PDB file of N, CA and C in Angstrom:
ATOM      1  N   MET A   1     223.554 -76.394-145.318  1.00  0.00           N
ATOM      2  CA  MET A   1     222.450 -75.907-146.124  1.00  0.00           C
ATOM      3  C   MET A   1     221.182 -76.702-145.830  1.00  0.00           C
ATOM      4  N   PHE A   2     221.283 -78.027-145.797  1.00  0.00           N
ATOM      5  CA  PHE A   2     220.123 -78.884-145.552  1.00  0.00           C
ATOM      6  C   PHE A   2     219.512 -78.592-144.190  1.00  0.00           C
ATOM      7  N   GLU A   3     220.364 -78.335-143.193  1.00  0.00           N
ATOM      8  CA  GLU A   3     219.887 -78.027-141.842  1.00  0.00           C
ATOM      9  C   GLU A   3     219.067 -76.741-141.834  1.00  0.00           C
ATOM     10  N   LYS A   4     219.485 -75.725-142.604  1.00  0.00           N
ATOM     11  CA  LYS A   4     218.753 -74.467-142.684  1.00  0.00           C
ATOM     12  C   LYS A   4     217.379 -74.679-143.300  1.00  0.00           C
ATOM     13  N   VAL A   5     217.274 -75.502-144.313  1.00  0.00           N
ATOM     14  CA  VAL A   5     215.991 -75.781-144.961  1.00  0.00           C
ATOM     15  C   VAL A   5     215.037 -76.445-143.970  1.00  0.00           C
ATOM     16  N   ILE A   6     215.545 -77.386-143.194  1.00  0.00           N
ATOM     17  CA  ILE A   6     214.712 -78.063-142.191  1.00  0.00           C
ATOM     18  C   ILE A   6     214.232 -77.054-141.152  1.00  0.00           C
ATOM     19  N   HIS A   7     215.130 -76.168-140.702  1.00  0.00           N
ATOM     20  CA  HIS A   7     214.767 -75.167-139.707  1.00  0.00           C
ATOM     21  C   HIS A   7     213.686 -74.231-140.254  1.00  0.00           C
ATOM     22  N   VAL A   8     213.821 -73.763-141.490  1.00  0.00           N
ATOM     23  CA  VAL A   8     212.837 -72.874-142.105  1.00  0.00           C
ATOM     24  C   VAL A   8     211.499 -73.592-142.243  1.00  0.00           C
ATOM     25  N   ASN A   9     211.506 -74.838-142.669  1.00  0.00           N
ATOM     26  CA  ASN A   9     210.255 -75.591-142.787  1.00  0.00           C
ATOM     27  C   ASN A   9     209.584 -75.749-141.435  1.00  0.00           C
ATOM     28  N   SER A  10     210.359 -76.007-140.401  1.00  0.00           N
ATOM     29  CA  SER A  10     209.821 -76.143-139.047  1.00  0.00           C
ATOM     30  C   SER A  10     209.227 -74.829-138.570  1.00  0.00           C
ATOM     31  N   LEU A  11     209.931 -73.721-138.831  1.00  0.00           N
ATOM     32  CA  LEU A  11     209.439 -72.404-138.445  1.00  0.00           C
ATOM     33  C   LEU A  11     208.147 -72.073-139.179  1.00  0.00           C
ATOM     34  N   ASN A  12     208.069 -72.401-140.464  1.00  0.00           N
ATOM     35  CA  ASN A  12     206.835 -72.176-141.224  1.00  0.00           C
ATOM     36  C   ASN A  12     205.665 -72.929-140.610  1.00  0.00           C
ATOM     37  N   LYS A  13     205.888 -74.174-140.194  1.00  0.00           N
ATOM     38  CA  LYS A  13     204.825 -74.954-139.556  1.00  0.00           C
ATOM     39  C   LYS A  13     204.396 -74.301-138.249  1.00  0.00           C
ATOM     40  N   ASP A  14     205.368 -73.776-137.484  1.00  0.00           N
ATOM     41  CA  ASP A  14     205.045 -73.086-136.235  1.00  0.00           C
ATOM     42  C   ASP A  14     204.181 -71.858-136.506  1.00  0.00           C
ATOM     43  N   PHE A  15     204.555 -71.059-137.508  1.00  0.00           N
ATOM     44  CA  PHE A  15     203.766 -69.879-137.860  1.00  0.00           C
ATOM     45  C   PHE A  15     202.360 -70.280-138.297  1.00  0.00           C
ATOM     46  N   GLU A  16     202.263 -71.292-139.110  1.00  0.00           N
ATOM     47  CA  GLU A  16     200.959 -71.754-139.597  1.00  0.00           C
ATOM     48  C   GLU A  16     200.081 -72.259-138.457  1.00  0.00           C
ATOM     49  N   SER A  17     200.683 -72.883-137.459  1.00  0.00           N
ATOM     50  CA  SER A  17     199.898 -73.461-136.370  1.00  0.00           C
ATOM     51  C   SER A  17     199.266 -72.402-135.471  1.00  0.00           C
ATOM     52  N   ILE A  18     199.821 -71.180-135.445  1.00  0.00           N
ATOM     53  CA  ILE A  18     199.248 -70.124-134.605  1.00  0.00           C
ATOM     54  C   ILE A  18     198.551 -69.038-135.418  1.00  0.00           C
ATOM     55  N   LYS A  19     198.504 -69.198-136.720  1.00  0.00           N
ATOM     56  CA  LYS A  19     197.858 -68.216-137.600  1.00  0.00           C
ATOM     57  C   LYS A  19     196.367 -68.151-137.319  1.00  0.00           C
ATOM     58  N   LYS A  20     195.831 -66.941-137.312  1.00  0.00           N
ATOM     59  CA  LYS A  20     194.400 -66.705-137.182  1.00  0.00           C
ATOM     60  C   LYS A  20     193.912 -66.097-138.491  1.00  0.00           C
ATOM     61  N   ILE A  21     192.635 -66.236-138.761  1.00  0.00           N
ATOM     62  CA  ILE A  21     192.034 -65.618-139.948  1.00  0.00           C
ATOM     63  C   ILE A  21     190.776 -64.895-139.499  1.00  0.00           C
ATOM     64  N   ASP A  22     190.693 -63.606-139.823  1.00  0.00           N
ATOM     65  CA  ASP A  22     189.528 -62.833-139.388  1.00  0.00           C
ATOM     66  C   ASP A  22     188.328 -63.063-140.304  1.00  0.00           C
ATOM     67  N   LYS A  23     187.234 -62.407-139.999  1.00  0.00           N
ATOM     68  CA  LYS A  23     185.984 -62.621-140.744  1.00  0.00           C
ATOM     69  C   LYS A  23     186.088 -62.222-142.213  1.00  0.00           C
ATOM     70  N   ASP A  24     187.082 -61.393-142.555  1.00  0.00           N
ATOM     71  CA  ASP A  24     187.295 -60.976-143.943  1.00  0.00           C
ATOM     72  C   ASP A  24     188.331 -61.833-144.660  1.00  0.00           C
ATOM     73  N   GLY A  25     188.795 -62.876-143.982  1.00  0.00           N
ATOM     74  CA  GLY A  25     189.773 -63.773-144.590  1.00  0.00           C
ATOM     75  C   GLY A  25     191.211 -63.288-144.495  1.00  0.00           C
ATOM     76  N   ILE A  26     191.468 -62.275-143.666  1.00  0.00           N
ATOM     77  CA  ILE A  26     192.815 -61.724-143.521  1.00  0.00           C
ATOM     78  C   ILE A  26     193.555 -62.477-142.425  1.00  0.00           C
ATOM     79  N   GLU A  27     194.761 -62.930-142.755  1.00  0.00           N
ATOM     80  CA  GLU A  27     195.588 -63.666-141.808  1.00  0.00           C
ATOM     81  C   GLU A  27     196.215 -62.706-140.805  1.00  0.00           C
ATOM     82  N   TYR A  28     196.335 -63.167-139.556  1.00  0.00           N
ATOM     83  CA  TYR A  28     197.031 -62.384-138.545  1.00  0.00           C
ATOM     84  C   TYR A  28     197.569 -63.312-137.462  1.00  0.00           C
ATOM     85  N   TRP A  29     198.465 -62.788-136.653  1.00  0.00           N
ATOM     86  CA  TRP A  29     199.070 -63.534-135.562  1.00  0.00           C
ATOM     87  C   TRP A  29     198.957 -62.700-134.299  1.00  0.00           C
ATOM     88  N   GLU A  30     198.734 -63.339-133.169  1.00  0.00           N
ATOM     89  CA  GLU A  30     198.711 -62.646-131.886  1.00  0.00           C
ATOM     90  C   GLU A  30     200.132 -62.623-131.327  1.00  0.00           C
ATOM     91  N   ALA A  31     200.534 -61.461-130.821  1.00  0.00           N
ATOM     92  CA  ALA A  31     201.921 -61.244-130.395  1.00  0.00           C
ATOM     93  C   ALA A  31     202.379 -62.218-129.320  1.00  0.00           C
ATOM     94  N   ARG A  32     201.524 -62.516-128.355  1.00  0.00           N
ATOM     95  CA  ARG A  32     201.962 -63.398-127.263  1.00  0.00           C
ATOM     96  C   ARG A  32     202.202 -64.826-127.745  1.00  0.00           C
ATOM     97  N   GLU A  33     201.506 -65.259-128.767  1.00  0.00           N
ATOM     98  CA  GLU A  33     201.784 -66.574-129.346  1.00  0.00           C
ATOM     99  C   GLU A  33     203.015 -66.502-130.243  1.00  0.00           C
ATOM    100  N   LEU A  34     203.128 -65.414-130.983  1.00  0.00           N
ATOM    101  CA  LEU A  34     204.242 -65.234-131.912  1.00  0.00           C
ATOM    102  C   LEU A  34     205.577 -65.095-131.184  1.00  0.00           C
ATOM    103  N   MET A  35     205.565 -64.477-130.008  1.00  0.00           N
ATOM    104  CA  MET A  35     206.824 -64.236-129.298  1.00  0.00           C
ATOM    105  C   MET A  35     207.550 -65.530-128.958  1.00  0.00           C
ATOM    106  N   SER A  36     206.817 -66.573-128.605  1.00  0.00           N
ATOM    107  CA  SER A  36     207.494 -67.832-128.268  1.00  0.00           C
ATOM    108  C   SER A  36     208.073 -68.497-129.513  1.00  0.00           C
ATOM    109  N   VAL A  37     207.377 -68.401-130.643  1.00  0.00           N
ATOM    110  CA  VAL A  37     207.896 -68.954-131.898  1.00  0.00           C
ATOM    111  C   VAL A  37     209.189 -68.238-132.296  1.00  0.00           C
ATOM    112  N   LEU A  38     209.241 -66.944-132.034  1.00  0.00           N
ATOM    113  CA  LEU A  38     210.416 -66.150-132.397  1.00  0.00           C
ATOM    114  C   LEU A  38     211.520 -66.193-131.339  1.00  0.00           C
ATOM    115  N   GLY A  39     211.251 -66.846-130.212  1.00  0.00           N
ATOM    116  CA  GLY A  39     212.284 -67.049-129.212  1.00  0.00           C
ATOM    117  C   GLY A  39     212.402 -65.970-128.146  1.00  0.00           C
ATOM    118  N   TYR A  40     211.409 -65.110-128.000  1.00  0.00           N
ATOM    119  CA  TYR A  40     211.464 -64.101-126.943  1.00  0.00           C
ATOM    120  C   TYR A  40     211.051 -64.749-125.624  1.00  0.00           C
ATOM    121  N   PRO A  41     211.839 -64.545-124.566  1.00  0.00           N
ATOM    122  CA  PRO A  41     211.590 -65.238-123.302  1.00  0.00           C
ATOM    123  C   PRO A  41     210.411 -64.684-122.493  1.00  0.00           C
ATOM    124  N   ASN A  42     210.052 -63.418-122.732  1.00  0.00           N
ATOM    125  CA  ASN A  42     208.959 -62.824-121.969  1.00  0.00           C
ATOM    126  C   ASN A  42     208.316 -61.686-122.757  1.00  0.00           C
ATOM    127  N   TRP A  43     207.173 -61.234-122.268  1.00  0.00           N
ATOM    128  CA  TRP A  43     206.405 -60.197-122.952  1.00  0.00           C
ATOM    129  C   TRP A  43     207.183 -58.890-123.045  1.00  0.00           C
ATOM    130  N   GLN A  44     207.915 -58.516-122.001  1.00  0.00           N
ATOM    131  CA  GLN A  44     208.638 -57.250-122.010  1.00  0.00           C
ATOM    132  C   GLN A  44     209.652 -57.186-123.154  1.00  0.00           C
ATOM    133  N   LYS A  45     210.360 -58.270-123.392  1.00  0.00           N
ATOM    134  CA  LYS A  45     211.337 -58.305-124.494  1.00  0.00           C
ATOM    135  C   LYS A  45     210.629 -58.189-125.846  1.00  0.00           C
ATOM    136  N   ALA A  46     209.527 -58.896-125.999  1.00  0.00           N
ATOM    137  CA  ALA A  46     208.785 -58.858-127.263  1.00  0.00           C
ATOM    138  C   ALA A  46     208.159 -57.481-127.473  1.00  0.00           C
ATOM    139  N   GLU A  47     207.620 -56.905-126.413  1.00  0.00           N
ATOM    140  CA  GLU A  47     206.975 -55.592-126.533  1.00  0.00           C
ATOM    141  C   GLU A  47     207.983 -54.519-126.926  1.00  0.00           C
ATOM    142  N   ASP A  48     209.216 -54.619-126.422  1.00  0.00           N
ATOM    143  CA  ASP A  48     210.269 -53.672-126.798  1.00  0.00           C
ATOM    144  C   ASP A  48     210.507 -53.708-128.305  1.00  0.00           C
ATOM    145  N   VAL A  49     210.541 -54.895-128.867  1.00  0.00           N
ATOM    146  CA  VAL A  49     210.745 -55.041-130.313  1.00  0.00           C
ATOM    147  C   VAL A  49     209.541 -54.488-131.075  1.00  0.00           C
ATOM    148  N   ILE A  50     208.347 -54.713-130.576  1.00  0.00           N
ATOM    149  CA  ILE A  50     207.133 -54.191-131.222  1.00  0.00           C
ATOM    150  C   ILE A  50     207.169 -52.666-131.237  1.00  0.00           C
ATOM    151  N   ILE A  51     207.548 -52.059-130.128  1.00  0.00           N
ATOM    152  CA  ILE A  51     207.628 -50.597-130.043  1.00  0.00           C
ATOM    153  C   ILE A  51     208.646 -50.055-131.047  1.00  0.00           C
ATOM    154  N   ARG A  52     209.814 -50.685-131.107  1.00  0.00           N
ATOM    155  CA  ARG A  52     210.844 -50.233-132.064  1.00  0.00           C
ATOM    156  C   ARG A  52     210.386 -50.423-133.511  1.00  0.00           C
ATOM    157  N   THR A  53     209.673 -51.512-133.769  1.00  0.00           N
ATOM    158  CA  THR A  53     209.170 -51.760-135.123  1.00  0.00           C
ATOM    159  C   THR A  53     208.135 -50.717-135.515  1.00  0.00           C
ATOM    160  N   LYS A  54     207.253 -50.358-134.592  1.00  0.00           N
ATOM    161  CA  LYS A  54     206.255 -49.318-134.869  1.00  0.00           C
ATOM    162  C   LYS A  54     206.938 -47.984-135.194  1.00  0.00           C
ATOM    163  N   LYS A  55     208.007 -47.660-134.456  1.00  0.00           N
ATOM    164  CA  LYS A  55     208.754 -46.424-134.725  1.00  0.00           C
ATOM    165  C   LYS A  55     209.374 -46.465-136.120  1.00  0.00           C
ATOM    166  N   ALA A  56     209.893 -47.621-136.504  1.00  0.00           N
ATOM    167  CA  ALA A  56     210.492 -47.766-137.833  1.00  0.00           C
ATOM    168  C   ALA A  56     209.437 -47.586-138.924  1.00  0.00           C
ATOM    169  N   PHE A  57     208.242 -48.134-138.702  1.00  0.00           N
ATOM    170  CA  PHE A  57     207.161 -47.935-139.674  1.00  0.00           C
ATOM    171  C   PHE A  57     206.836 -46.447-139.802  1.00  0.00           C
ATOM    172  N   THR A  58     206.700 -45.773-138.665  1.00  0.00           N
ATOM    173  CA  THR A  58     206.382 -44.343-138.676  1.00  0.00           C
ATOM    174  C   THR A  58     207.483 -43.553-139.382  1.00  0.00           C
ATOM    175  N   ASN A  59     208.741 -43.846-139.069  1.00  0.00           N
ATOM    176  CA  ASN A  59     209.865 -43.133-139.672  1.00  0.00           C
ATOM    177  C   ASN A  59     209.957 -43.343-141.179  1.00  0.00           C
ATOM    178  N   SER A  60     209.451 -44.472-141.657  1.00  0.00           N
ATOM    179  CA  SER A  60     209.508 -44.745-143.099  1.00  0.00           C
ATOM    180  C   SER A  60     208.225 -44.325-143.821  1.00  0.00           C
ATOM    181  N   GLY A  61     207.322 -43.661-143.088  1.00  0.00           N
ATOM    182  CA  GLY A  61     206.098 -43.164-143.708  1.00  0.00           C
ATOM    183  C   GLY A  61     204.985 -44.196-143.814  1.00  0.00           C
ATOM    184  N   GLN A  62     205.167 -45.343-143.195  1.00  0.00           N
ATOM    185  CA  GLN A  62     204.146 -46.396-143.221  1.00  0.00           C
ATOM    186  C   GLN A  62     203.109 -46.121-142.136  1.00  0.00           C
ATOM    187  N   SER A  63     201.894 -46.582-142.364  1.00  0.00           N
ATOM    188  CA  SER A  63     200.842 -46.469-141.367  1.00  0.00           C
ATOM    189  C   SER A  63     200.936 -47.650-140.398  1.00  0.00           C
ATOM    190  N   VAL A  64     201.208 -47.360-139.138  1.00  0.00           N
ATOM    191  CA  VAL A  64     201.323 -48.409-138.121  1.00  0.00           C
ATOM    192  C   VAL A  64     200.026 -49.199-138.017  1.00  0.00           C
ATOM    193  N   SER A  65     198.897 -48.514-138.122  1.00  0.00           N
ATOM    194  CA  SER A  65     197.599 -49.187-137.966  1.00  0.00           C
ATOM    195  C   SER A  65     197.306 -50.185-139.086  1.00  0.00           C
ATOM    196  N   ASN A  66     198.047 -50.103-140.192  1.00  0.00           N
ATOM    197  CA  ASN A  66     197.878 -51.097-141.263  1.00  0.00           C
ATOM    198  C   ASN A  66     198.544 -52.423-140.917  1.00  0.00           C
ATOM    199  N   HIS A  67     199.414 -52.405-139.909  1.00  0.00           N
ATOM    200  CA  HIS A  67     200.201 -53.588-139.591  1.00  0.00           C
ATOM    201  C   HIS A  67     200.038 -54.083-138.159  1.00  0.00           C
ATOM    202  N   PHE A  68     199.600 -53.203-137.259  1.00  0.00           N
ATOM    203  CA  PHE A  68     199.475 -53.562-135.849  1.00  0.00           C
ATOM    204  C   PHE A  68     198.112 -53.131-135.319  1.00  0.00           C
ATOM    205  N   ASN A  69     197.467 -54.007-134.594  1.00  0.00           N
ATOM    206  CA  ASN A  69     196.242 -53.674-133.872  1.00  0.00           C
ATOM    207  C   ASN A  69     196.457 -54.067-132.423  1.00  0.00           C
ATOM    208  N   ARG A  70     196.108 -53.179-131.514  1.00  0.00           N
ATOM    209  CA  ARG A  70     196.248 -53.499-130.090  1.00  0.00           C
ATOM    210  C   ARG A  70     195.052 -54.355-129.689  1.00  0.00           C
ATOM    211  N   LEU A  71     195.343 -55.460-129.063  1.00  0.00           N
ATOM    212  CA  LEU A  71     194.330 -56.391-128.607  1.00  0.00           C
ATOM    213  C   LEU A  71     194.442 -56.522-127.101  1.00  0.00           C
ATOM    214  N   VAL A  72     193.325 -56.447-126.433  1.00  0.00           N
ATOM    215  CA  VAL A  72     193.287 -56.690-124.996  1.00  0.00           C
ATOM    216  C   VAL A  72     192.378 -57.892-124.806  1.00  0.00           C
ATOM    217  N   LYS A  73     192.891 -58.880-124.071  1.00  0.00           N
ATOM    218  CA  LYS A  73     192.071 -60.061-123.832  1.00  0.00           C
ATOM    219  C   LYS A  73     192.122 -60.431-122.363  1.00  0.00           C
ATOM    220  N   MET A  74     191.140 -61.182-121.948  1.00  0.00           N
ATOM    221  CA  MET A  74     191.039 -61.627-120.563  1.00  0.00           C
ATOM    222  C   MET A  74     191.691 -63.001-120.442  1.00  0.00           C
ATOM    223  N   VAL A  75     192.548 -63.157-119.431  1.00  0.00           N
ATOM    224  CA  VAL A  75     193.202 -64.436-119.193  1.00  0.00           C
ATOM    225  C   VAL A  75     193.112 -64.787-117.716  1.00  0.00           C
ATOM    226  N   GLU A  76     193.161 -66.063-117.456  1.00  0.00           N
ATOM    227  CA  GLU A  76     193.170 -66.524-116.074  1.00  0.00           C
ATOM    228  C   GLU A  76     194.611 -66.602-115.597  1.00  0.00           C
ATOM    229  N   ILE A  77     194.878 -66.002-114.435  1.00  0.00           N
ATOM    230  CA  ILE A  77     196.216 -66.073-113.869  1.00  0.00           C
ATOM    231  C   ILE A  77     196.246 -67.162-112.797  1.00  0.00           C
ATOM    232  N   GLY A  78     197.396 -67.447-112.256  1.00  0.00           N
ATOM    233  CA  GLY A  78     197.602 -68.571-111.346  1.00  0.00           C
ATOM    234  C   GLY A  78     196.590 -68.738-110.236  1.00  0.00           C
ATOM    235  N   SER A  79     196.102 -67.664-109.678  1.00  0.00           N
ATOM    236  CA  SER A  79     195.177 -67.757-108.544  1.00  0.00           C
ATOM    237  C   SER A  79     193.746 -68.023-108.967  1.00  0.00           C
ATOM    238  N   GLY A  80     193.509 -68.180-110.259  1.00  0.00           N
ATOM    239  CA  GLY A  80     192.149 -68.367-110.750  1.00  0.00           C
ATOM    240  C   GLY A  80     191.454 -67.055-111.056  1.00  0.00           C
ATOM    241  N   THR A  81     192.139 -65.950-110.792  1.00  0.00           N
ATOM    242  CA  THR A  81     191.608 -64.625-111.071  1.00  0.00           C
ATOM    243  C   THR A  81     191.745 -64.337-112.564  1.00  0.00           C
ATOM    244  N   ILE A  82     190.809 -63.570-113.093  1.00  0.00           N
ATOM    245  CA  ILE A  82     190.872 -63.198-114.512  1.00  0.00           C
ATOM    246  C   ILE A  82     191.288 -61.727-114.585  1.00  0.00           C
ATOM    247  N   ARG A  83     192.218 -61.440-115.514  1.00  0.00           N
ATOM    248  CA  ARG A  83     192.652 -60.060-115.698  1.00  0.00           C
ATOM    249  C   ARG A  83     192.903 -59.789-117.172  1.00  0.00           C
ATOM    250  N   LYS A  84     192.966 -58.484-117.507  1.00  0.00           N
ATOM    251  CA  LYS A  84     193.240 -58.049-118.879  1.00  0.00           C
ATOM    252  C   LYS A  84     194.737 -58.074-119.132  1.00  0.00           C
ATOM    253  N   ILE A  85     195.113 -58.488-120.357  1.00  0.00           N
ATOM    254  CA  ILE A  85     196.496 -58.381-120.808  1.00  0.00           C
ATOM    255  C   ILE A  85     196.500 -57.803-122.217  1.00  0.00           C
ATOM    256  N   GLN A  86     197.579 -57.107-122.557  1.00  0.00           N
ATOM    257  CA  GLN A  86     197.742 -56.584-123.904  1.00  0.00           C
ATOM    258  C   GLN A  86     198.345 -57.656-124.787  1.00  0.00           C
ATOM    259  N   ASP A  87     197.950 -57.641-126.042  1.00  0.00           N
ATOM    260  CA  ASP A  87     198.518 -58.569-127.013  1.00  0.00           C
ATOM    261  C   ASP A  87     198.710 -57.844-128.316  1.00  0.00           C
TER     262      ASP A  87
END
């Protein structure tokens, strides 16, 4: 039991460390940062879960746009080139 409490506290700190707050004071997380906290090894695995979650929201009558926003940002890749990635 004690080990689970420590793990949850550690996970909460991880979530807090990557939390963003928009201009209206609304908290949000970027998927590519969140995926490593949740243990997904790569973007493809995380994106699969995001797609399935969006389908579940739609199937339950929830508005996907209330919970997910597609973000495209520019990142530098190994060669020094900058390209767009989805987040």
